[in-house]
Amino acid sequence: MPSIYTFTEYSPEWPREFQREAARLRALWGDEIIAIHHVGSTSVPALAAKPIIDLLPLVHNIERIDAFHDAMTAAGYKVWGEYGLPGRRYLTRDADGVRTHNIHAYAEDNPEALRHMAFPAYLRAHPDACAEYVQVKRRAYALHPADIDAYNDAKNDWIKATEKIALAWYQTQKKAQ
């Protein structure tokens, strides 16, 4: 059965919600966290999106995150483990059956974390690419308003092509710092 989801214009509330959830996560995981990044579409001003806040904590040791399973469950998160991406810990939180937060935790040296950080950073720095992505997302939603998997599939080719460009750009930016 297809899953229903929402799609909305950018909200200035999203960065504030990221900050609230990041503080909550820091309280639960403590010193294991090195940094927490706001990733995904809600981290890009002016980008219409599914209103789901994506957090990317970088941690000292990814295996130690497993020890927080009970605390995260008690805090309302569902723990999914790696969920198809080796080295990641994926957790989700819903409110009234609607997804509100995703956590993609990685060890600080995992190269997969760069991919998650590079894509939204690239869109924030390149308004033309951001505008193009908005159109891709709007078309995908118009075609698949009640099927999130089909919506994601409709964006996939554009994302994969842009992700390569974004990653190269991001690594260049990191070297320049």
N, C-alpha and C. Protein backbone atom coordinates (compact mmCIF):
# COMPACT_ATOMS: atom_id res chain seq x y z
N MET A 1 0.84 -1.18 0.00
CA MET A 1 0.00 0.00 0.00
C MET A 1 0.89 1.24 0.00
N PRO A 2 0.65 2.19 -0.89
CA PRO A 2 1.46 3.42 -0.92
C PRO A 2 1.30 4.21 0.38
N SER A 3 2.34 4.90 0.76
CA SER A 3 2.26 5.70 1.98
C SER A 3 1.98 7.16 1.65
N ILE A 4 1.09 7.77 2.41
CA ILE A 4 0.73 9.17 2.22
C ILE A 4 1.75 10.02 2.98
N TYR A 5 2.07 11.17 2.43
CA TYR A 5 3.02 12.07 3.03
C TYR A 5 2.59 13.49 2.69
N THR A 6 3.23 14.45 3.33
CA THR A 6 2.93 15.84 3.01
C THR A 6 4.13 16.48 2.34
N PHE A 7 3.85 17.54 1.62
CA PHE A 7 4.86 18.30 0.89
C PHE A 7 4.45 19.75 1.04
N THR A 8 5.36 20.60 1.46
CA THR A 8 4.99 21.97 1.77
C THR A 8 6.11 22.94 1.42
N GLU A 9 5.77 24.22 1.43
CA GLU A 9 6.77 25.26 1.21
C GLU A 9 7.74 25.30 2.39
N TYR A 10 8.91 25.88 2.16
CA TYR A 10 9.91 26.02 3.20
C TYR A 10 9.31 26.74 4.42
N SER A 11 9.70 26.32 5.59
CA SER A 11 9.26 26.97 6.82
C SER A 11 10.47 27.43 7.63
N PRO A 12 10.46 28.68 8.08
CA PRO A 12 11.56 29.14 8.95
C PRO A 12 11.54 28.44 10.30
N GLU A 13 10.50 27.67 10.58
CA GLU A 13 10.43 26.88 11.81
C GLU A 13 11.38 25.68 11.76
N TRP A 14 11.70 25.21 10.56
CA TRP A 14 12.52 23.99 10.44
C TRP A 14 13.89 24.11 11.10
N PRO A 15 14.63 25.21 10.89
CA PRO A 15 15.93 25.31 11.60
C PRO A 15 15.76 25.35 13.12
N ARG A 16 14.70 25.99 13.60
CA ARG A 16 14.45 26.02 15.04
C ARG A 16 14.12 24.62 15.56
N GLU A 17 13.34 23.87 14.81
CA GLU A 17 13.01 22.50 15.21
C GLU A 17 14.28 21.63 15.20
N PHE A 18 15.15 21.86 14.22
CA PHE A 18 16.44 21.15 14.22
C PHE A 18 17.20 21.44 15.51
N GLN A 19 17.28 22.71 15.89
CA GLN A 19 18.02 23.09 17.11
C GLN A 19 17.42 22.43 18.35
N ARG A 20 16.09 22.40 18.44
CA ARG A 20 15.44 21.75 19.58
C ARG A 20 15.77 20.26 19.63
N GLU A 21 15.68 19.61 18.47
CA GLU A 21 15.92 18.17 18.45
C GLU A 21 17.40 17.85 18.66
N ALA A 22 18.28 18.70 18.14
CA ALA A 22 19.72 18.49 18.36
C ALA A 22 20.04 18.59 19.85
N ALA A 23 19.43 19.55 20.55
CA ALA A 23 19.66 19.68 22.00
C ALA A 23 19.14 18.44 22.73
N ARG A 24 18.00 17.95 22.30
CA ARG A 24 17.43 16.74 22.90
C ARG A 24 18.37 15.54 22.70
N LEU A 25 18.92 15.43 21.49
CA LEU A 25 19.83 14.33 21.18
C LEU A 25 21.13 14.45 21.97
N ARG A 26 21.65 15.67 22.11
CA ARG A 26 22.87 15.87 22.91
C ARG A 26 22.65 15.44 24.36
N ALA A 27 21.45 15.71 24.87
CA ALA A 27 21.14 15.31 26.24
C ALA A 27 21.11 13.79 26.38
N LEU A 28 20.70 13.10 25.33
CA LEU A 28 20.61 11.64 25.38
C LEU A 28 21.95 10.95 25.10
N TRP A 29 22.74 11.48 24.17
CA TRP A 29 23.97 10.81 23.75
C TRP A 29 25.23 11.42 24.36
N GLY A 30 25.12 12.59 24.92
CA GLY A 30 26.22 13.23 25.63
C GLY A 30 27.50 13.39 24.82
N ASP A 31 28.60 13.02 25.47
CA ASP A 31 29.93 13.24 24.90
C ASP A 31 30.25 12.35 23.70
N GLU A 32 29.38 11.41 23.40
CA GLU A 32 29.61 10.57 22.21
C GLU A 32 29.48 11.40 20.93
N ILE A 33 28.73 12.51 21.01
CA ILE A 33 28.50 13.36 19.84
C ILE A 33 29.66 14.33 19.64
N ILE A 34 30.14 14.40 18.41
CA ILE A 34 31.16 15.37 18.02
C ILE A 34 30.49 16.62 17.47
N ALA A 35 29.52 16.41 16.58
CA ALA A 35 28.78 17.51 15.95
C ALA A 35 27.46 16.96 15.45
N ILE A 36 26.48 17.85 15.30
CA ILE A 36 25.20 17.46 14.71
C ILE A 36 24.90 18.43 13.58
N HIS A 37 24.67 17.88 12.39
CA HIS A 37 24.38 18.69 11.20
C HIS A 37 22.92 18.56 10.81
N HIS A 38 22.34 19.68 10.38
CA HIS A 38 21.00 19.68 9.80
C HIS A 38 21.19 19.38 8.32
N VAL A 39 20.64 18.27 7.86
CA VAL A 39 20.78 17.86 6.47
C VAL A 39 19.39 17.66 5.88
N GLY A 40 19.36 17.25 4.63
CA GLY A 40 18.07 17.04 3.98
C GLY A 40 17.47 18.35 3.52
N SER A 41 16.32 18.25 2.88
CA SER A 41 15.69 19.42 2.26
C SER A 41 15.28 20.49 3.25
N THR A 42 14.92 20.11 4.49
CA THR A 42 14.52 21.14 5.45
C THR A 42 15.68 22.02 5.89
N SER A 43 16.89 21.66 5.52
CA SER A 43 18.06 22.47 5.87
C SER A 43 18.40 23.49 4.79
N VAL A 44 17.61 23.54 3.72
CA VAL A 44 17.90 24.43 2.59
C VAL A 44 16.81 25.49 2.51
N PRO A 45 17.12 26.75 2.88
CA PRO A 45 16.11 27.81 2.80
C PRO A 45 15.52 27.91 1.39
N ALA A 46 14.23 28.12 1.34
CA ALA A 46 13.46 28.29 0.10
C ALA A 46 13.14 26.98 -0.62
N LEU A 47 13.56 25.86 -0.07
CA LEU A 47 13.32 24.58 -0.73
C LEU A 47 12.05 23.94 -0.17
N ALA A 48 11.05 23.75 -1.02
CA ALA A 48 9.85 23.03 -0.61
C ALA A 48 10.26 21.59 -0.29
N ALA A 49 9.55 20.99 0.67
CA ALA A 49 10.01 19.68 1.14
C ALA A 49 8.92 18.94 1.90
N LYS A 50 9.19 17.67 2.13
CA LYS A 50 8.44 16.94 3.13
C LYS A 50 8.91 17.53 4.47
N PRO A 51 8.00 17.90 5.36
CA PRO A 51 8.42 18.54 6.61
C PRO A 51 8.98 17.56 7.63
N ILE A 52 10.08 16.92 7.27
CA ILE A 52 10.76 15.96 8.14
C ILE A 52 12.16 16.50 8.40
N ILE A 53 12.50 16.69 9.66
CA ILE A 53 13.81 17.23 10.03
C ILE A 53 14.81 16.08 10.04
N ASP A 54 15.86 16.22 9.24
CA ASP A 54 16.94 15.22 9.18
C ASP A 54 18.14 15.74 9.96
N LEU A 55 18.57 14.95 10.92
CA LEU A 55 19.74 15.27 11.72
C LEU A 55 20.84 14.27 11.41
N LEU A 56 22.05 14.76 11.31
CA LEU A 56 23.20 13.89 11.07
C LEU A 56 24.22 14.11 12.20
N PRO A 57 24.13 13.29 13.24
CA PRO A 57 25.15 13.38 14.27
C PRO A 57 26.41 12.63 13.85
N LEU A 58 27.53 13.27 14.04
CA LEU A 58 28.82 12.60 13.89
C LEU A 58 29.27 12.21 15.29
N VAL A 59 29.65 10.94 15.44
CA VAL A 59 29.97 10.42 16.76
C VAL A 59 31.37 9.81 16.78
N HIS A 60 31.88 9.64 17.97
CA HIS A 60 33.21 9.05 18.13
C HIS A 60 33.23 7.58 17.70
N ASN A 61 32.23 6.82 18.13
CA ASN A 61 32.22 5.38 17.86
C ASN A 61 30.78 4.96 17.57
N ILE A 62 30.51 4.56 16.35
CA ILE A 62 29.14 4.25 15.94
C ILE A 62 28.55 3.07 16.71
N GLU A 63 29.38 2.11 17.08
CA GLU A 63 28.86 0.96 17.82
C GLU A 63 28.33 1.35 19.20
N ARG A 64 28.90 2.39 19.78
CA ARG A 64 28.44 2.83 21.11
C ARG A 64 27.02 3.40 21.06
N ILE A 65 26.58 3.82 19.88
CA ILE A 65 25.23 4.36 19.74
C ILE A 65 24.19 3.28 20.04
N ASP A 66 24.53 2.05 19.78
CA ASP A 66 23.60 0.95 20.05
C ASP A 66 23.22 0.87 21.53
N ALA A 67 24.08 1.35 22.40
CA ALA A 67 23.79 1.32 23.83
C ALA A 67 22.66 2.28 24.21
N PHE A 68 22.31 3.20 23.32
CA PHE A 68 21.26 4.18 23.59
C PHE A 68 19.89 3.72 23.08
N HIS A 69 19.80 2.48 22.64
CA HIS A 69 18.55 1.97 22.06
C HIS A 69 17.35 2.20 22.98
N ASP A 70 17.45 1.80 24.23
CA ASP A 70 16.32 1.94 25.16
C ASP A 70 15.98 3.41 25.41
N ALA A 71 16.99 4.25 25.58
CA ALA A 71 16.74 5.68 25.82
C ALA A 71 16.07 6.32 24.61
N MET A 72 16.49 5.93 23.41
CA MET A 72 15.89 6.51 22.20
C MET A 72 14.45 6.03 22.02
N THR A 73 14.21 4.77 22.33
CA THR A 73 12.85 4.24 22.26
C THR A 73 11.96 4.98 23.26
N ALA A 74 12.45 5.19 24.47
CA ALA A 74 11.69 5.92 25.49
C ALA A 74 11.43 7.37 25.08
N ALA A 75 12.33 7.94 24.28
CA ALA A 75 12.18 9.32 23.79
C ALA A 75 11.27 9.39 22.56
N GLY A 76 10.73 8.26 22.14
CA GLY A 76 9.79 8.27 21.03
C GLY A 76 10.36 7.92 19.68
N TYR A 77 11.61 7.47 19.66
CA TYR A 77 12.24 7.09 18.40
C TYR A 77 12.08 5.61 18.12
N LYS A 78 12.04 5.28 16.86
CA LYS A 78 12.12 3.89 16.42
C LYS A 78 13.56 3.68 15.93
N VAL A 79 14.18 2.62 16.38
CA VAL A 79 15.57 2.32 16.05
C VAL A 79 15.59 1.29 14.93
N TRP A 80 16.24 1.63 13.81
CA TRP A 80 16.26 0.78 12.63
C TRP A 80 17.61 0.12 12.37
N GLY A 81 18.63 0.43 13.15
CA GLY A 81 19.96 -0.11 12.88
C GLY A 81 20.59 0.58 11.68
N GLU A 82 21.33 -0.17 10.89
CA GLU A 82 21.99 0.42 9.71
C GLU A 82 20.99 0.76 8.61
N TYR A 83 19.92 0.02 8.51
CA TYR A 83 18.85 0.21 7.54
C TYR A 83 19.38 0.40 6.12
N GLY A 84 20.23 -0.54 5.71
CA GLY A 84 20.72 -0.57 4.34
C GLY A 84 21.97 0.22 4.05
N LEU A 85 22.45 0.99 4.99
CA LEU A 85 23.68 1.77 4.78
C LEU A 85 24.69 1.38 5.86
N PRO A 86 25.66 0.52 5.51
CA PRO A 86 26.64 0.06 6.49
C PRO A 86 27.34 1.23 7.18
N GLY A 87 27.47 1.10 8.50
CA GLY A 87 28.16 2.13 9.27
C GLY A 87 27.25 3.23 9.77
N ARG A 88 25.99 3.21 9.38
CA ARG A 88 25.04 4.23 9.82
C ARG A 88 24.16 3.65 10.93
N ARG A 89 23.64 4.51 11.78
CA ARG A 89 22.56 4.15 12.68
C ARG A 89 21.40 5.09 12.32
N TYR A 90 20.27 4.48 11.95
CA TYR A 90 19.10 5.24 11.49
C TYR A 90 17.99 5.12 12.51
N LEU A 91 17.44 6.25 12.88
CA LEU A 91 16.34 6.31 13.84
C LEU A 91 15.29 7.27 13.28
N THR A 92 14.03 7.01 13.60
CA THR A 92 12.95 7.89 13.14
C THR A 92 12.02 8.20 14.31
N ARG A 93 11.36 9.35 14.21
CA ARG A 93 10.35 9.72 15.19
C ARG A 93 9.13 10.21 14.45
N ASP A 94 7.97 9.75 14.89
CA ASP A 94 6.70 10.14 14.29
C ASP A 94 5.84 10.81 15.35
N ALA A 95 4.90 11.61 14.88
CA ALA A 95 3.88 12.20 15.75
C ALA A 95 2.53 11.91 15.11
N ASP A 96 1.69 11.23 15.82
CA ASP A 96 0.37 10.87 15.31
C ASP A 96 0.45 10.14 13.96
N GLY A 97 1.44 9.25 13.84
CA GLY A 97 1.58 8.44 12.64
C GLY A 97 2.25 9.14 11.47
N VAL A 98 2.71 10.36 11.67
CA VAL A 98 3.37 11.12 10.60
C VAL A 98 4.83 11.32 10.98
N ARG A 99 5.73 10.99 10.07
CA ARG A 99 7.16 11.14 10.32
C ARG A 99 7.51 12.60 10.54
N THR A 100 8.28 12.87 11.61
CA THR A 100 8.71 14.24 11.91
C THR A 100 10.22 14.40 11.91
N HIS A 101 10.95 13.31 12.25
CA HIS A 101 12.41 13.41 12.36
C HIS A 101 13.07 12.13 11.87
N ASN A 102 14.22 12.30 11.25
CA ASN A 102 15.11 11.20 10.90
C ASN A 102 16.48 11.51 11.50
N ILE A 103 17.11 10.51 12.07
CA ILE A 103 18.49 10.65 12.53
C ILE A 103 19.33 9.67 11.72
N HIS A 104 20.39 10.20 11.11
CA HIS A 104 21.36 9.40 10.35
C HIS A 104 22.70 9.58 11.07
N ALA A 105 23.03 8.70 11.98
CA ALA A 105 24.26 8.84 12.76
C ALA A 105 25.40 8.08 12.08
N TYR A 106 26.57 8.71 12.06
CA TYR A 106 27.77 8.12 11.48
C TYR A 106 28.96 8.42 12.38
N ALA A 107 29.96 7.53 12.32
CA ALA A 107 31.25 7.86 12.93
C ALA A 107 31.84 9.02 12.14
N GLU A 108 32.59 9.85 12.81
CA GLU A 108 33.09 11.07 12.17
C GLU A 108 33.95 10.82 10.94
N ASP A 109 34.57 9.66 10.84
CA ASP A 109 35.44 9.38 9.70
C ASP A 109 34.75 8.59 8.59
N ASN A 110 33.45 8.38 8.68
CA ASN A 110 32.73 7.62 7.65
C ASN A 110 32.49 8.52 6.44
N PRO A 111 32.99 8.14 5.26
CA PRO A 111 32.83 8.98 4.07
C PRO A 111 31.37 9.16 3.64
N GLU A 112 30.49 8.25 4.04
CA GLU A 112 29.07 8.39 3.68
C GLU A 112 28.45 9.64 4.31
N ALA A 113 28.97 10.06 5.44
CA ALA A 113 28.44 11.26 6.09
C ALA A 113 28.64 12.48 5.20
N LEU A 114 29.77 12.51 4.47
CA LEU A 114 30.03 13.64 3.57
C LEU A 114 28.95 13.80 2.52
N ARG A 115 28.49 12.70 2.00
CA ARG A 115 27.45 12.73 0.96
C ARG A 115 26.19 13.42 1.49
N HIS A 116 25.81 13.08 2.71
CA HIS A 116 24.62 13.67 3.32
C HIS A 116 24.80 15.16 3.59
N MET A 117 26.01 15.57 3.91
CA MET A 117 26.28 16.99 4.19
C MET A 117 26.49 17.79 2.92
N ALA A 118 27.11 17.16 1.91
CA ALA A 118 27.46 17.88 0.68
C ALA A 118 26.25 18.32 -0.12
N PHE A 119 25.27 17.46 -0.27
CA PHE A 119 24.12 17.76 -1.13
C PHE A 119 23.37 19.02 -0.68
N PRO A 120 22.93 19.12 0.59
CA PRO A 120 22.24 20.36 0.97
C PRO A 120 23.16 21.58 0.99
N ALA A 121 24.43 21.38 1.35
CA ALA A 121 25.37 22.51 1.32
C ALA A 121 25.51 23.06 -0.09
N TYR A 122 25.58 22.17 -1.05
CA TYR A 122 25.67 22.58 -2.45
C TYR A 122 24.43 23.36 -2.86
N LEU A 123 23.25 22.87 -2.49
CA LEU A 123 22.01 23.56 -2.84
C LEU A 123 21.93 24.93 -2.17
N ARG A 124 22.40 25.05 -0.95
CA ARG A 124 22.40 26.35 -0.26
C ARG A 124 23.33 27.34 -0.96
N ALA A 125 24.42 26.84 -1.52
CA ALA A 125 25.41 27.71 -2.16
C ALA A 125 25.13 27.95 -3.64
N HIS A 126 24.22 27.19 -4.23
CA HIS A 126 23.96 27.29 -5.67
C HIS A 126 22.46 27.45 -5.91
N PRO A 127 21.97 28.69 -5.88
CA PRO A 127 20.54 28.95 -6.02
C PRO A 127 19.92 28.37 -7.30
N ASP A 128 20.67 28.33 -8.40
CA ASP A 128 20.11 27.75 -9.63
C ASP A 128 19.84 26.26 -9.47
N ALA A 129 20.76 25.54 -8.85
CA ALA A 129 20.55 24.12 -8.61
C ALA A 129 19.39 23.91 -7.64
N CYS A 130 19.28 24.77 -6.64
CA CYS A 130 18.19 24.68 -5.68
C CYS A 130 16.85 24.89 -6.39
N ALA A 131 16.78 25.90 -7.26
CA ALA A 131 15.54 26.17 -8.00
C ALA A 131 15.18 24.99 -8.91
N GLU A 132 16.18 24.40 -9.52
CA GLU A 132 15.93 23.24 -10.38
C GLU A 132 15.40 22.06 -9.55
N TYR A 133 15.98 21.86 -8.38
CA TYR A 133 15.54 20.78 -7.52
C TYR A 133 14.09 21.00 -7.04
N VAL A 134 13.75 22.25 -6.76
CA VAL A 134 12.36 22.54 -6.38
C VAL A 134 11.41 22.07 -7.48
N GLN A 135 11.77 22.33 -8.73
CA GLN A 135 10.91 21.92 -9.84
C GLN A 135 10.84 20.39 -9.95
N VAL A 136 11.97 19.73 -9.75
CA VAL A 136 11.99 18.26 -9.77
C VAL A 136 11.06 17.72 -8.68
N LYS A 137 11.16 18.30 -7.50
CA LYS A 137 10.34 17.85 -6.37
C LYS A 137 8.85 18.11 -6.63
N ARG A 138 8.53 19.28 -7.19
CA ARG A 138 7.13 19.60 -7.46
C ARG A 138 6.53 18.65 -8.50
N ARG A 139 7.31 18.34 -9.53
CA ARG A 139 6.84 17.39 -10.54
C ARG A 139 6.62 16.01 -9.92
N ALA A 140 7.57 15.58 -9.11
CA ALA A 140 7.47 14.27 -8.46
C ALA A 140 6.24 14.22 -7.57
N TYR A 141 5.99 15.29 -6.83
CA TYR A 141 4.82 15.31 -5.95
C TYR A 141 3.52 15.34 -6.75
N ALA A 142 3.49 16.11 -7.83
CA ALA A 142 2.29 16.17 -8.67
C ALA A 142 1.96 14.80 -9.24
N LEU A 143 2.98 14.05 -9.59
CA LEU A 143 2.77 12.70 -10.14
C LEU A 143 2.43 11.67 -9.08
N HIS A 144 2.95 11.85 -7.87
CA HIS A 144 2.84 10.81 -6.83
C HIS A 144 2.47 11.40 -5.46
N PRO A 145 1.33 12.07 -5.34
CA PRO A 145 1.00 12.71 -4.06
C PRO A 145 0.66 11.75 -2.93
N ALA A 146 0.42 10.50 -3.24
CA ALA A 146 0.02 9.54 -2.20
C ALA A 146 0.96 8.34 -2.12
N ASP A 147 2.15 8.45 -2.74
CA ASP A 147 3.07 7.32 -2.74
C ASP A 147 4.50 7.85 -2.58
N ILE A 148 4.98 7.85 -1.35
CA ILE A 148 6.29 8.42 -1.06
C ILE A 148 7.42 7.67 -1.76
N ASP A 149 7.28 6.37 -1.93
CA ASP A 149 8.32 5.61 -2.62
C ASP A 149 8.42 6.03 -4.09
N ALA A 150 7.29 6.21 -4.74
CA ALA A 150 7.29 6.66 -6.15
C ALA A 150 7.80 8.10 -6.24
N TYR A 151 7.45 8.92 -5.27
CA TYR A 151 7.95 10.30 -5.21
C TYR A 151 9.48 10.28 -5.14
N ASN A 152 10.02 9.48 -4.22
CA ASN A 152 11.48 9.39 -4.09
C ASN A 152 12.12 8.84 -5.36
N ASP A 153 11.52 7.83 -5.97
CA ASP A 153 12.05 7.27 -7.22
C ASP A 153 12.08 8.31 -8.33
N ALA A 154 11.06 9.16 -8.37
CA ALA A 154 10.97 10.18 -9.44
C ALA A 154 12.07 11.23 -9.31
N LYS A 155 12.62 11.41 -8.13
CA LYS A 155 13.70 12.39 -7.91
C LYS A 155 15.08 11.77 -8.03
N ASN A 156 15.16 10.47 -7.98
CA ASN A 156 16.42 9.77 -7.79
C ASN A 156 17.50 10.11 -8.84
N ASP A 157 17.16 10.10 -10.12
CA ASP A 157 18.17 10.36 -11.15
C ASP A 157 18.77 11.75 -10.99
N TRP A 158 17.93 12.74 -10.73
CA TRP A 158 18.43 14.11 -10.57
C TRP A 158 19.32 14.19 -9.33
N ILE A 159 18.89 13.57 -8.26
CA ILE A 159 19.67 13.60 -7.02
C ILE A 159 21.03 12.94 -7.22
N LYS A 160 21.04 11.77 -7.83
CA LYS A 160 22.31 11.05 -8.01
C LYS A 160 23.29 11.84 -8.88
N ALA A 161 22.78 12.45 -9.94
CA ALA A 161 23.65 13.25 -10.81
C ALA A 161 24.19 14.48 -10.07
N THR A 162 23.33 15.14 -9.34
CA THR A 162 23.74 16.35 -8.62
C THR A 162 24.61 16.02 -7.43
N GLU A 163 24.35 14.90 -6.81
CA GLU A 163 25.13 14.47 -5.66
C GLU A 163 26.62 14.34 -6.01
N LYS A 164 26.93 13.83 -7.17
CA LYS A 164 28.34 13.71 -7.59
C LYS A 164 28.99 15.08 -7.70
N ILE A 165 28.28 16.01 -8.31
CA ILE A 165 28.78 17.38 -8.44
C ILE A 165 28.94 18.01 -7.06
N ALA A 166 27.93 17.82 -6.22
CA ALA A 166 27.93 18.41 -4.88
C ALA A 166 29.09 17.88 -4.04
N LEU A 167 29.34 16.59 -4.13
CA LEU A 167 30.41 16.00 -3.34
C LEU A 167 31.78 16.54 -3.76
N ALA A 168 32.00 16.64 -5.06
CA ALA A 168 33.27 17.21 -5.55
C ALA A 168 33.41 18.66 -5.09
N TRP A 169 32.34 19.43 -5.20
CA TRP A 169 32.35 20.83 -4.76
C TRP A 169 32.63 20.91 -3.26
N TYR A 170 31.95 20.09 -2.48
CA TYR A 170 32.07 20.12 -1.02
C TYR A 170 33.49 19.79 -0.58
N GLN A 171 34.09 18.79 -1.20
CA GLN A 171 35.46 18.42 -0.84
C GLN A 171 36.44 19.54 -1.18
N THR A 172 36.19 20.25 -2.27
CA THR A 172 37.01 21.40 -2.62
C THR A 172 36.86 22.50 -1.57
N GLN A 173 35.63 22.72 -1.14
CA GLN A 173 35.37 23.74 -0.09
C GLN A 173 36.07 23.38 1.21
N LYS A 174 36.02 22.10 1.57
CA LYS A 174 36.66 21.65 2.81
C LYS A 174 38.18 21.86 2.76
N LYS A 175 38.78 21.59 1.59
CA LYS A 175 40.22 21.75 1.43
C LYS A 175 40.62 23.22 1.53
N ALA A 176 39.74 24.11 1.05
CA ALA A 176 40.02 25.55 1.05
C ALA A 176 39.94 26.16 2.46
N GLN A 177 39.32 25.44 3.39
CA GLN A 177 39.17 25.98 4.75
C GLN A 177 40.42 25.84 5.57
